[in-house]
Amino acid sequence: MAEPETNAGTELLHSIVIAAPIEQVWAEITKLDGKQRAMMDAVLDSALEPGAPLYYRSTDGKRVFVVGRVIEVDPPRLLSHTQRLTMRDDPWTVVSWELEEVAGGTRVTLRNSGWPEGVQRLDKVDTTWNGILAALKQVVESGDVGTGLKLQYVMMRAFMWAMPAGTKSENVPEPPGIDRSA
């Protein structure tokens, strides 16, 4: 498995202002004790310290959707980690959640960098990030996602059996270490 690159390629960039204190937004992004509604009901599994593995798992723990390794944590302002989606044959990239206090709440800037030129369906990943940030805003400001997303999540759970074998927890290897010289 190749080392994740931390400074090359295309960057996906999204930003949104959430009408809530920075600590509340941070708590939702880094929640370890239950479903992250904005992250498609995945459960974050990590020690959230530099070098620690990071997984977004199904609620029953049988599937892994995202695997990575924590690069940097600076509560409540920055969480940066490598990432690879287990349902796609994509390269390792870096995701950075940057939080900043602004008038009216907290600006969340999401950077997904390191995409090499020519990656297929990058527009789909970009659209997914946009939806995740909109859902994060909804969860933090109102306490939950809307009915449409709830129905989508029910359908996703109903068809979990049809997901690729590479998403099964026992088939997901530990993420590679981080090359800090890159």
N, C-alpha and C. Protein backbone atom coordinates (compact mmCIF):
# COMPACT_ATOMS: atom_id res chain seq x y z
N MET A 1 0.84 -1.17 0.00
CA MET A 1 0.00 0.00 0.00
C MET A 1 0.89 1.24 0.00
N ALA A 2 0.59 2.20 -0.85
CA ALA A 2 1.41 3.40 -0.98
C ALA A 2 1.19 4.35 0.18
N GLU A 3 2.23 5.11 0.46
CA GLU A 3 2.13 6.14 1.49
C GLU A 3 1.22 7.26 1.00
N PRO A 4 0.41 7.83 1.87
CA PRO A 4 -0.42 8.95 1.45
C PRO A 4 0.44 10.17 1.13
N GLU A 5 0.10 10.85 0.08
CA GLU A 5 0.79 12.10 -0.24
C GLU A 5 0.05 13.23 0.46
N THR A 6 0.79 14.16 1.01
CA THR A 6 0.14 15.21 1.79
C THR A 6 0.19 16.58 1.13
N ASN A 7 0.78 16.73 -0.06
CA ASN A 7 0.87 18.07 -0.60
C ASN A 7 0.78 18.13 -2.12
N ALA A 8 0.21 17.14 -2.76
CA ALA A 8 0.19 17.13 -4.22
C ALA A 8 -1.24 17.07 -4.74
N GLY A 9 -1.42 17.51 -5.98
CA GLY A 9 -2.66 17.29 -6.69
C GLY A 9 -3.75 18.29 -6.45
N THR A 10 -4.95 17.90 -6.84
CA THR A 10 -6.14 18.73 -6.79
C THR A 10 -6.70 18.79 -5.38
N GLU A 11 -7.26 19.95 -5.03
CA GLU A 11 -7.89 20.13 -3.72
C GLU A 11 -9.37 20.43 -3.89
N LEU A 12 -10.20 19.74 -3.15
CA LEU A 12 -11.62 20.06 -3.06
C LEU A 12 -11.78 20.96 -1.84
N LEU A 13 -12.50 22.04 -1.99
CA LEU A 13 -12.60 23.04 -0.92
C LEU A 13 -14.05 23.46 -0.75
N HIS A 14 -14.54 23.37 0.49
CA HIS A 14 -15.90 23.79 0.82
C HIS A 14 -15.87 24.56 2.13
N SER A 15 -16.77 25.52 2.27
CA SER A 15 -16.85 26.31 3.50
C SER A 15 -18.32 26.62 3.78
N ILE A 16 -18.66 26.63 5.06
CA ILE A 16 -20.03 26.92 5.48
C ILE A 16 -19.98 27.57 6.86
N VAL A 17 -20.92 28.46 7.13
CA VAL A 17 -21.03 29.05 8.46
C VAL A 17 -22.18 28.39 9.18
N ILE A 18 -21.89 27.92 10.39
CA ILE A 18 -22.88 27.25 11.23
C ILE A 18 -23.18 28.16 12.41
N ALA A 19 -24.44 28.41 12.66
CA ALA A 19 -24.87 29.30 13.74
C ALA A 19 -24.79 28.57 15.08
N ALA A 20 -23.55 28.41 15.54
CA ALA A 20 -23.31 27.71 16.81
C ALA A 20 -21.89 28.02 17.26
N PRO A 21 -21.64 27.91 18.57
CA PRO A 21 -20.28 28.13 19.07
C PRO A 21 -19.31 27.08 18.51
N ILE A 22 -18.05 27.47 18.38
CA ILE A 22 -17.02 26.61 17.82
C ILE A 22 -16.91 25.28 18.56
N GLU A 23 -17.06 25.30 19.88
CA GLU A 23 -16.94 24.07 20.68
C GLU A 23 -18.03 23.07 20.33
N GLN A 24 -19.24 23.57 20.03
CA GLN A 24 -20.35 22.69 19.67
C GLN A 24 -20.12 22.04 18.30
N VAL A 25 -19.59 22.81 17.36
CA VAL A 25 -19.30 22.27 16.03
C VAL A 25 -18.17 21.24 16.14
N TRP A 26 -17.14 21.59 16.89
CA TRP A 26 -16.01 20.68 17.10
C TRP A 26 -16.49 19.36 17.71
N ALA A 27 -17.36 19.45 18.71
CA ALA A 27 -17.86 18.25 19.38
C ALA A 27 -18.58 17.33 18.40
N GLU A 28 -19.30 17.90 17.45
CA GLU A 28 -20.01 17.07 16.47
C GLU A 28 -19.04 16.42 15.48
N ILE A 29 -18.06 17.17 15.01
CA ILE A 29 -17.09 16.65 14.04
C ILE A 29 -16.23 15.54 14.65
N THR A 30 -15.94 15.65 15.92
CA THR A 30 -15.03 14.70 16.57
C THR A 30 -15.77 13.70 17.49
N LYS A 31 -17.09 13.64 17.37
CA LYS A 31 -17.88 12.75 18.24
C LYS A 31 -17.47 11.29 18.05
N LEU A 32 -17.16 10.64 19.16
CA LEU A 32 -16.71 9.24 19.14
C LEU A 32 -17.73 8.28 19.77
N ASP A 33 -18.74 8.81 20.41
CA ASP A 33 -19.63 7.97 21.22
C ASP A 33 -21.00 7.73 20.58
N GLY A 34 -21.05 7.76 19.26
CA GLY A 34 -22.33 7.50 18.60
C GLY A 34 -22.28 7.90 17.14
N LYS A 35 -23.43 7.80 16.50
CA LYS A 35 -23.53 8.11 15.08
C LYS A 35 -23.22 9.58 14.82
N GLN A 36 -22.51 9.82 13.77
CA GLN A 36 -22.34 11.17 13.27
C GLN A 36 -23.37 11.33 12.16
N ARG A 37 -24.47 11.98 12.48
CA ARG A 37 -25.59 12.09 11.55
C ARG A 37 -25.16 12.72 10.22
N ALA A 38 -24.30 13.72 10.26
CA ALA A 38 -23.87 14.38 9.03
C ALA A 38 -22.97 13.49 8.18
N MET A 39 -22.32 12.54 8.79
CA MET A 39 -21.41 11.64 8.08
C MET A 39 -22.12 10.33 7.73
N MET A 40 -23.36 10.45 7.31
CA MET A 40 -24.16 9.31 6.85
C MET A 40 -24.35 8.25 7.94
N ASP A 41 -24.46 8.72 9.16
CA ASP A 41 -24.66 7.87 10.34
C ASP A 41 -23.47 6.99 10.67
N ALA A 42 -22.30 7.30 10.13
CA ALA A 42 -21.10 6.53 10.46
C ALA A 42 -20.65 6.85 11.89
N VAL A 43 -19.90 5.92 12.45
CA VAL A 43 -19.35 6.09 13.80
C VAL A 43 -17.85 6.28 13.66
N LEU A 44 -17.34 7.40 14.19
CA LEU A 44 -15.91 7.69 14.15
C LEU A 44 -15.20 6.86 15.21
N ASP A 45 -14.16 6.16 14.78
CA ASP A 45 -13.38 5.29 15.65
C ASP A 45 -11.92 5.72 15.53
N SER A 46 -11.41 6.41 16.55
CA SER A 46 -10.03 6.89 16.55
C SER A 46 -9.66 7.41 17.93
N ALA A 47 -8.37 7.42 18.21
CA ALA A 47 -7.89 8.05 19.44
C ALA A 47 -7.77 9.57 19.25
N LEU A 48 -7.91 10.04 18.01
CA LEU A 48 -7.83 11.47 17.67
C LEU A 48 -6.56 12.11 18.22
N GLU A 49 -5.43 11.43 17.97
CA GLU A 49 -4.13 12.00 18.30
C GLU A 49 -3.22 11.72 17.10
N PRO A 50 -2.24 12.57 16.85
CA PRO A 50 -1.38 12.39 15.68
C PRO A 50 -0.80 10.98 15.59
N GLY A 51 -0.96 10.39 14.39
CA GLY A 51 -0.46 9.05 14.14
C GLY A 51 -1.48 7.94 14.37
N ALA A 52 -2.57 8.25 15.07
CA ALA A 52 -3.58 7.22 15.38
C ALA A 52 -4.39 6.85 14.14
N PRO A 53 -4.75 5.57 14.00
CA PRO A 53 -5.66 5.18 12.91
C PRO A 53 -7.01 5.86 13.09
N LEU A 54 -7.73 6.02 11.99
CA LEU A 54 -9.04 6.66 12.01
C LEU A 54 -9.94 5.87 11.06
N TYR A 55 -11.12 5.51 11.56
CA TYR A 55 -12.09 4.76 10.77
C TYR A 55 -13.47 5.38 10.94
N TYR A 56 -14.23 5.44 9.87
CA TYR A 56 -15.66 5.73 9.94
C TYR A 56 -16.34 4.40 9.65
N ARG A 57 -17.02 3.85 10.67
CA ARG A 57 -17.61 2.51 10.60
C ARG A 57 -19.14 2.58 10.58
N SER A 58 -19.74 1.47 10.16
CA SER A 58 -21.19 1.33 10.28
C SER A 58 -21.54 1.25 11.76
N THR A 59 -22.79 1.50 12.09
CA THR A 59 -23.19 1.51 13.50
C THR A 59 -22.99 0.15 14.16
N ASP A 60 -23.06 -0.94 13.39
CA ASP A 60 -22.84 -2.27 13.97
C ASP A 60 -21.36 -2.66 13.95
N GLY A 61 -20.50 -1.81 13.36
CA GLY A 61 -19.07 -2.06 13.34
C GLY A 61 -18.61 -3.07 12.29
N LYS A 62 -19.54 -3.61 11.51
CA LYS A 62 -19.19 -4.65 10.55
C LYS A 62 -18.62 -4.10 9.24
N ARG A 63 -18.83 -2.83 8.97
CA ARG A 63 -18.35 -2.22 7.73
C ARG A 63 -17.53 -0.98 8.04
N VAL A 64 -16.54 -0.71 7.18
CA VAL A 64 -15.71 0.49 7.28
C VAL A 64 -15.88 1.24 5.96
N PHE A 65 -16.24 2.51 6.05
CA PHE A 65 -16.46 3.32 4.86
C PHE A 65 -15.25 4.19 4.53
N VAL A 66 -14.56 4.63 5.57
CA VAL A 66 -13.39 5.50 5.41
C VAL A 66 -12.31 5.00 6.35
N VAL A 67 -11.09 4.93 5.84
CA VAL A 67 -9.94 4.54 6.65
C VAL A 67 -8.88 5.63 6.48
N GLY A 68 -8.18 5.94 7.56
CA GLY A 68 -7.13 6.95 7.47
C GLY A 68 -6.28 6.96 8.72
N ARG A 69 -5.50 8.00 8.83
CA ARG A 69 -4.62 8.17 10.00
C ARG A 69 -4.60 9.65 10.35
N VAL A 70 -4.69 9.95 11.64
CA VAL A 70 -4.70 11.34 12.11
C VAL A 70 -3.34 11.98 11.87
N ILE A 71 -3.37 13.17 11.29
CA ILE A 71 -2.14 13.95 11.06
C ILE A 71 -1.96 14.99 12.15
N GLU A 72 -3.02 15.77 12.40
CA GLU A 72 -2.92 16.87 13.37
C GLU A 72 -4.27 17.10 14.03
N VAL A 73 -4.24 17.40 15.32
CA VAL A 73 -5.44 17.74 16.07
C VAL A 73 -5.11 18.97 16.91
N ASP A 74 -5.90 20.02 16.74
CA ASP A 74 -5.75 21.25 17.52
C ASP A 74 -7.15 21.72 17.93
N PRO A 75 -7.70 21.11 19.01
CA PRO A 75 -9.07 21.43 19.41
C PRO A 75 -9.20 22.90 19.82
N PRO A 76 -10.27 23.56 19.52
CA PRO A 76 -11.36 23.16 18.64
C PRO A 76 -11.21 23.75 17.22
N ARG A 77 -10.02 23.79 16.71
CA ARG A 77 -9.77 24.51 15.45
C ARG A 77 -9.39 23.65 14.25
N LEU A 78 -8.77 22.49 14.46
CA LEU A 78 -8.27 21.73 13.33
C LEU A 78 -8.24 20.23 13.60
N LEU A 79 -8.78 19.48 12.65
CA LEU A 79 -8.60 18.03 12.60
C LEU A 79 -8.17 17.72 11.18
N SER A 80 -7.01 17.10 11.05
CA SER A 80 -6.48 16.75 9.74
C SER A 80 -6.11 15.27 9.76
N HIS A 81 -6.51 14.57 8.69
CA HIS A 81 -6.22 13.13 8.62
C HIS A 81 -6.11 12.67 7.18
N THR A 82 -5.41 11.56 6.98
CA THR A 82 -5.40 10.94 5.67
C THR A 82 -6.73 10.21 5.51
N GLN A 83 -7.03 9.87 4.27
CA GLN A 83 -8.30 9.21 4.02
C GLN A 83 -8.27 8.42 2.73
N ARG A 84 -8.94 7.28 2.79
CA ARG A 84 -9.24 6.52 1.58
C ARG A 84 -10.64 5.94 1.77
N LEU A 85 -11.46 6.10 0.74
CA LEU A 85 -12.82 5.54 0.78
C LEU A 85 -12.74 4.06 0.41
N THR A 86 -13.29 3.20 1.24
CA THR A 86 -13.16 1.76 1.01
C THR A 86 -14.04 1.27 -0.13
N MET A 87 -15.04 2.06 -0.53
CA MET A 87 -15.94 1.63 -1.60
C MET A 87 -15.44 2.05 -2.98
N ARG A 88 -14.35 2.78 -3.02
CA ARG A 88 -13.80 3.26 -4.29
C ARG A 88 -12.33 2.89 -4.36
N ASP A 89 -11.82 2.82 -5.55
CA ASP A 89 -10.40 2.53 -5.75
C ASP A 89 -9.66 3.85 -5.94
N ASP A 90 -9.73 4.69 -4.92
CA ASP A 90 -9.13 6.02 -4.99
C ASP A 90 -7.79 6.04 -4.26
N PRO A 91 -6.99 7.05 -4.56
CA PRO A 91 -5.72 7.20 -3.85
C PRO A 91 -5.96 7.76 -2.44
N TRP A 92 -4.90 7.73 -1.64
CA TRP A 92 -4.94 8.35 -0.32
C TRP A 92 -4.96 9.86 -0.52
N THR A 93 -5.81 10.54 0.25
CA THR A 93 -5.86 12.00 0.23
C THR A 93 -5.80 12.50 1.67
N VAL A 94 -5.80 13.81 1.83
CA VAL A 94 -5.80 14.43 3.15
C VAL A 94 -7.06 15.26 3.31
N VAL A 95 -7.74 15.07 4.45
CA VAL A 95 -8.93 15.86 4.78
C VAL A 95 -8.58 16.73 5.98
N SER A 96 -8.87 18.02 5.86
CA SER A 96 -8.66 18.96 6.97
C SER A 96 -9.96 19.68 7.27
N TRP A 97 -10.38 19.58 8.52
CA TRP A 97 -11.54 20.31 9.02
C TRP A 97 -10.99 21.51 9.78
N GLU A 98 -11.18 22.71 9.25
CA GLU A 98 -10.68 23.92 9.88
C GLU A 98 -11.87 24.72 10.41
N LEU A 99 -11.85 25.06 11.70
CA LEU A 99 -12.94 25.80 12.33
C LEU A 99 -12.44 27.16 12.76
N GLU A 100 -13.28 28.17 12.54
CA GLU A 100 -12.92 29.55 12.88
C GLU A 100 -14.16 30.26 13.41
N GLU A 101 -14.00 30.94 14.55
CA GLU A 101 -15.10 31.73 15.08
C GLU A 101 -15.31 32.95 14.19
N VAL A 102 -16.57 33.17 13.79
CA VAL A 102 -16.94 34.33 12.97
C VAL A 102 -18.22 34.92 13.54
N ALA A 103 -18.56 36.13 13.08
CA ALA A 103 -19.82 36.74 13.49
C ALA A 103 -20.96 35.80 13.10
N GLY A 104 -21.79 35.46 14.06
CA GLY A 104 -22.93 34.59 13.77
C GLY A 104 -22.65 33.10 13.95
N GLY A 105 -21.43 32.74 14.37
CA GLY A 105 -21.19 31.32 14.60
C GLY A 105 -19.78 30.86 14.30
N THR A 106 -19.69 29.76 13.56
CA THR A 106 -18.42 29.10 13.27
C THR A 106 -18.33 28.81 11.77
N ARG A 107 -17.23 29.24 11.17
CA ARG A 107 -16.97 28.88 9.77
C ARG A 107 -16.22 27.56 9.77
N VAL A 108 -16.77 26.60 9.03
CA VAL A 108 -16.12 25.31 8.83
C VAL A 108 -15.60 25.29 7.40
N THR A 109 -14.30 25.12 7.27
CA THR A 109 -13.69 24.97 5.95
C THR A 109 -13.16 23.56 5.85
N LEU A 110 -13.61 22.87 4.83
CA LEU A 110 -13.19 21.50 4.61
C LEU A 110 -12.30 21.45 3.37
N ARG A 111 -11.10 20.91 3.55
CA ARG A 111 -10.16 20.73 2.44
C ARG A 111 -9.90 19.24 2.27
N ASN A 112 -10.08 18.78 1.05
CA ASN A 112 -9.75 17.39 0.72
C ASN A 112 -8.71 17.48 -0.40
N SER A 113 -7.44 17.32 -0.03
CA SER A 113 -6.33 17.59 -0.95
C SER A 113 -5.56 16.32 -1.29
N GLY A 114 -4.75 16.46 -2.34
CA GLY A 114 -3.88 15.38 -2.76
C GLY A 114 -4.45 14.50 -3.85
N TRP A 115 -5.54 14.92 -4.45
CA TRP A 115 -6.12 14.14 -5.55
C TRP A 115 -5.25 14.29 -6.79
N PRO A 116 -4.73 13.19 -7.33
CA PRO A 116 -3.93 13.30 -8.55
C PRO A 116 -4.82 13.65 -9.75
N GLU A 117 -4.21 14.23 -10.76
CA GLU A 117 -4.94 14.56 -11.98
C GLU A 117 -5.53 13.28 -12.58
N GLY A 118 -6.71 13.40 -13.15
CA GLY A 118 -7.31 12.28 -13.86
C GLY A 118 -8.11 11.31 -13.01
N VAL A 119 -8.30 11.59 -11.73
CA VAL A 119 -9.11 10.70 -10.89
C VAL A 119 -10.55 10.72 -11.41
N GLN A 120 -11.12 9.55 -11.57
CA GLN A 120 -12.49 9.42 -12.06
C GLN A 120 -13.50 9.79 -10.99
N ARG A 121 -14.57 10.40 -11.38
CA ARG A 121 -15.73 10.72 -10.54
C ARG A 121 -15.39 11.62 -9.35
N LEU A 122 -14.41 12.48 -9.53
CA LEU A 122 -14.06 13.41 -8.45
C LEU A 122 -15.23 14.35 -8.16
N ASP A 123 -16.04 14.63 -9.18
CA ASP A 123 -17.21 15.47 -8.99
C ASP A 123 -18.19 14.84 -7.99
N LYS A 124 -18.26 13.52 -7.96
CA LYS A 124 -19.14 12.84 -7.00
C LYS A 124 -18.63 13.02 -5.57
N VAL A 125 -17.33 12.93 -5.38
CA VAL A 125 -16.73 13.15 -4.06
C VAL A 125 -16.99 14.60 -3.63
N ASP A 126 -16.80 15.54 -4.56
CA ASP A 126 -17.02 16.96 -4.28
C ASP A 126 -18.48 17.21 -3.85
N THR A 127 -19.42 16.61 -4.56
CA THR A 127 -20.84 16.76 -4.23
C THR A 127 -21.13 16.15 -2.86
N THR A 128 -20.51 15.02 -2.55
CA THR A 128 -20.71 14.38 -1.25
C THR A 128 -20.24 15.29 -0.12
N TRP A 129 -19.05 15.92 -0.28
CA TRP A 129 -18.56 16.83 0.76
C TRP A 129 -19.53 17.99 0.95
N ASN A 130 -20.05 18.53 -0.13
CA ASN A 130 -21.00 19.63 -0.03
C ASN A 130 -22.23 19.19 0.79
N GLY A 131 -22.72 17.99 0.52
CA GLY A 131 -23.86 17.46 1.27
C GLY A 131 -23.55 17.21 2.73
N ILE A 132 -22.34 16.73 3.01
CA ILE A 132 -21.94 16.48 4.40
C ILE A 132 -21.90 17.79 5.18
N LEU A 133 -21.35 18.84 4.59
CA LEU A 133 -21.32 20.13 5.30
C LEU A 133 -22.72 20.68 5.52
N ALA A 134 -23.59 20.55 4.54
CA ALA A 134 -24.98 21.02 4.71
C ALA A 134 -25.66 20.22 5.82
N ALA A 135 -25.42 18.91 5.86
CA ALA A 135 -25.99 18.07 6.92
C ALA A 135 -25.41 18.43 8.28
N LEU A 136 -24.10 18.73 8.33
CA LEU A 136 -23.47 19.14 9.58
C LEU A 136 -24.13 20.40 10.12
N LYS A 137 -24.36 21.35 9.26
CA LYS A 137 -25.04 22.59 9.65
C LYS A 137 -26.42 22.29 10.22
N GLN A 138 -27.14 21.42 9.54
CA GLN A 138 -28.49 21.07 9.98
C GLN A 138 -28.46 20.36 11.33
N VAL A 139 -27.54 19.42 11.51
CA VAL A 139 -27.44 18.67 12.77
C VAL A 139 -27.08 19.60 13.92
N VAL A 140 -26.08 20.44 13.73
CA VAL A 140 -25.64 21.31 14.83
C VAL A 140 -26.69 22.36 15.16
N GLU A 141 -27.32 22.92 14.15
CA GLU A 141 -28.29 23.99 14.39
C GLU A 141 -29.66 23.48 14.85
N SER A 142 -30.07 22.28 14.39
CA SER A 142 -31.43 21.81 14.72
C SER A 142 -31.46 20.52 15.53
N GLY A 143 -30.32 19.82 15.61
CA GLY A 143 -30.28 18.59 16.39
C GLY A 143 -30.39 17.31 15.57
N ASP A 144 -30.73 17.42 14.27
CA ASP A 144 -30.85 16.20 13.46
C ASP A 144 -30.85 16.57 11.98
N VAL A 145 -30.76 15.55 11.14
CA VAL A 145 -30.86 15.75 9.69
C VAL A 145 -32.34 15.73 9.30
N GLY A 146 -32.64 16.18 8.09
CA GLY A 146 -34.01 16.22 7.61
C GLY A 146 -34.54 14.85 7.23
N THR A 147 -35.81 14.80 6.94
CA THR A 147 -36.50 13.57 6.60
C THR A 147 -35.89 12.88 5.39
N GLY A 148 -35.51 13.65 4.37
CA GLY A 148 -34.91 13.07 3.17
C GLY A 148 -33.65 12.29 3.47
N LEU A 149 -32.76 12.87 4.29
CA LEU A 149 -31.53 12.15 4.65
C LEU A 149 -31.82 10.96 5.55
N LYS A 150 -32.78 11.09 6.44
CA LYS A 150 -33.14 9.95 7.29
C LYS A 150 -33.58 8.77 6.43
N LEU A 151 -34.39 9.03 5.40
CA LEU A 151 -34.83 7.96 4.51
C LEU A 151 -33.66 7.38 3.73
N GLN A 152 -32.75 8.24 3.28
CA GLN A 152 -31.57 7.77 2.57
C GLN A 152 -30.74 6.85 3.47
N TYR A 153 -30.57 7.22 4.73
CA TYR A 153 -29.80 6.41 5.65
C TYR A 153 -30.47 5.05 5.89
N VAL A 154 -31.80 5.02 5.98
CA VAL A 154 -32.53 3.76 6.15
C VAL A 154 -32.27 2.85 4.94
N MET A 155 -32.31 3.43 3.75
CA MET A 155 -32.07 2.64 2.53
C MET A 155 -30.63 2.12 2.50
N MET A 156 -29.69 2.95 2.91
CA MET A 156 -28.29 2.52 2.94
C MET A 156 -28.12 1.33 3.89
N ARG A 157 -28.74 1.40 5.06
CA ARG A 157 -28.64 0.29 6.02
C ARG A 157 -29.30 -0.98 5.47
N ALA A 158 -30.42 -0.81 4.76
CA ALA A 158 -31.14 -1.95 4.22
C ALA A 158 -30.31 -2.71 3.18
N PHE A 159 -29.43 -1.99 2.49
CA PHE A 159 -28.64 -2.62 1.44
C PHE A 159 -27.17 -2.79 1.83
N MET A 160 -26.89 -2.75 3.11
CA MET A 160 -25.52 -2.91 3.59
C MET A 160 -24.93 -4.25 3.12
N TRP A 161 -25.76 -5.27 3.04
CA TRP A 161 -25.32 -6.60 2.62
C TRP A 161 -24.74 -6.59 1.20
N ALA A 162 -25.13 -5.62 0.38
CA ALA A 162 -24.70 -5.56 -1.02
C ALA A 162 -23.42 -4.75 -1.22
N MET A 163 -22.87 -4.24 -0.16
CA MET A 163 -21.65 -3.43 -0.28
C MET A 163 -20.46 -4.32 -0.64
N PRO A 164 -19.45 -3.74 -1.27
CA PRO A 164 -18.26 -4.52 -1.65
C PRO A 164 -17.61 -5.20 -0.44
N ALA A 165 -17.01 -6.36 -0.69
CA ALA A 165 -16.34 -7.12 0.38
C ALA A 165 -15.23 -6.30 1.02
N GLY A 166 -14.64 -5.37 0.27
CA GLY A 166 -13.56 -4.54 0.80
C GLY A 166 -14.00 -3.60 1.92
N THR A 167 -15.31 -3.47 2.13
CA THR A 167 -15.80 -2.62 3.22
C THR A 167 -15.98 -3.39 4.52
N LYS A 168 -15.91 -4.72 4.45
CA LYS A 168 -16.06 -5.51 5.68
C LYS A 168 -14.88 -5.23 6.60
N SER A 169 -15.16 -5.02 7.88
CA SER A 169 -14.12 -4.67 8.85
C SER A 169 -12.92 -5.59 8.79
N GLU A 170 -13.16 -6.89 8.64
CA GLU A 170 -12.05 -7.84 8.63
C GLU A 170 -11.20 -7.74 7.36
N ASN A 171 -11.70 -7.06 6.34
CA ASN A 171 -10.96 -6.91 5.08
C ASN A 171 -10.26 -5.56 4.93
N VAL A 172 -10.42 -4.68 5.92
CA VAL A 172 -9.83 -3.35 5.85
C VAL A 172 -8.53 -3.34 6.63
N PRO A 173 -7.39 -3.22 5.93
CA PRO A 173 -6.11 -3.22 6.64
C PRO A 173 -5.91 -1.91 7.40
N GLU A 174 -5.01 -1.96 8.36
CA GLU A 174 -4.65 -0.74 9.09
C GLU A 174 -4.07 0.25 8.08
N PRO A 175 -4.41 1.53 8.24
CA PRO A 175 -3.90 2.52 7.29
C PRO A 175 -2.38 2.66 7.39
N PRO A 176 -1.74 3.04 6.28
CA PRO A 176 -0.30 3.20 6.30
C PRO A 176 0.12 4.37 7.18
N GLY A 177 1.38 4.37 7.60
CA GLY A 177 1.90 5.48 8.37
C GLY A 177 1.94 6.75 7.53
N ILE A 178 2.23 7.84 8.17
CA ILE A 178 2.25 9.13 7.51
C ILE A 178 3.68 9.55 7.24
N ASP A 179 3.95 9.87 6.00
CA ASP A 179 5.27 10.36 5.61
C ASP A 179 5.30 11.87 5.87
N ARG A 180 5.90 12.25 6.96
CA ARG A 180 5.92 13.67 7.34
C ARG A 180 6.95 14.49 6.56
N SER A 181 7.75 13.84 5.73
CA SER A 181 8.74 14.58 4.95
C SER A 181 8.15 15.11 3.65
N ALA A 182 6.94 14.66 3.31
CA ALA A 182 6.31 15.08 2.04
C ALA A 182 5.93 16.54 2.06
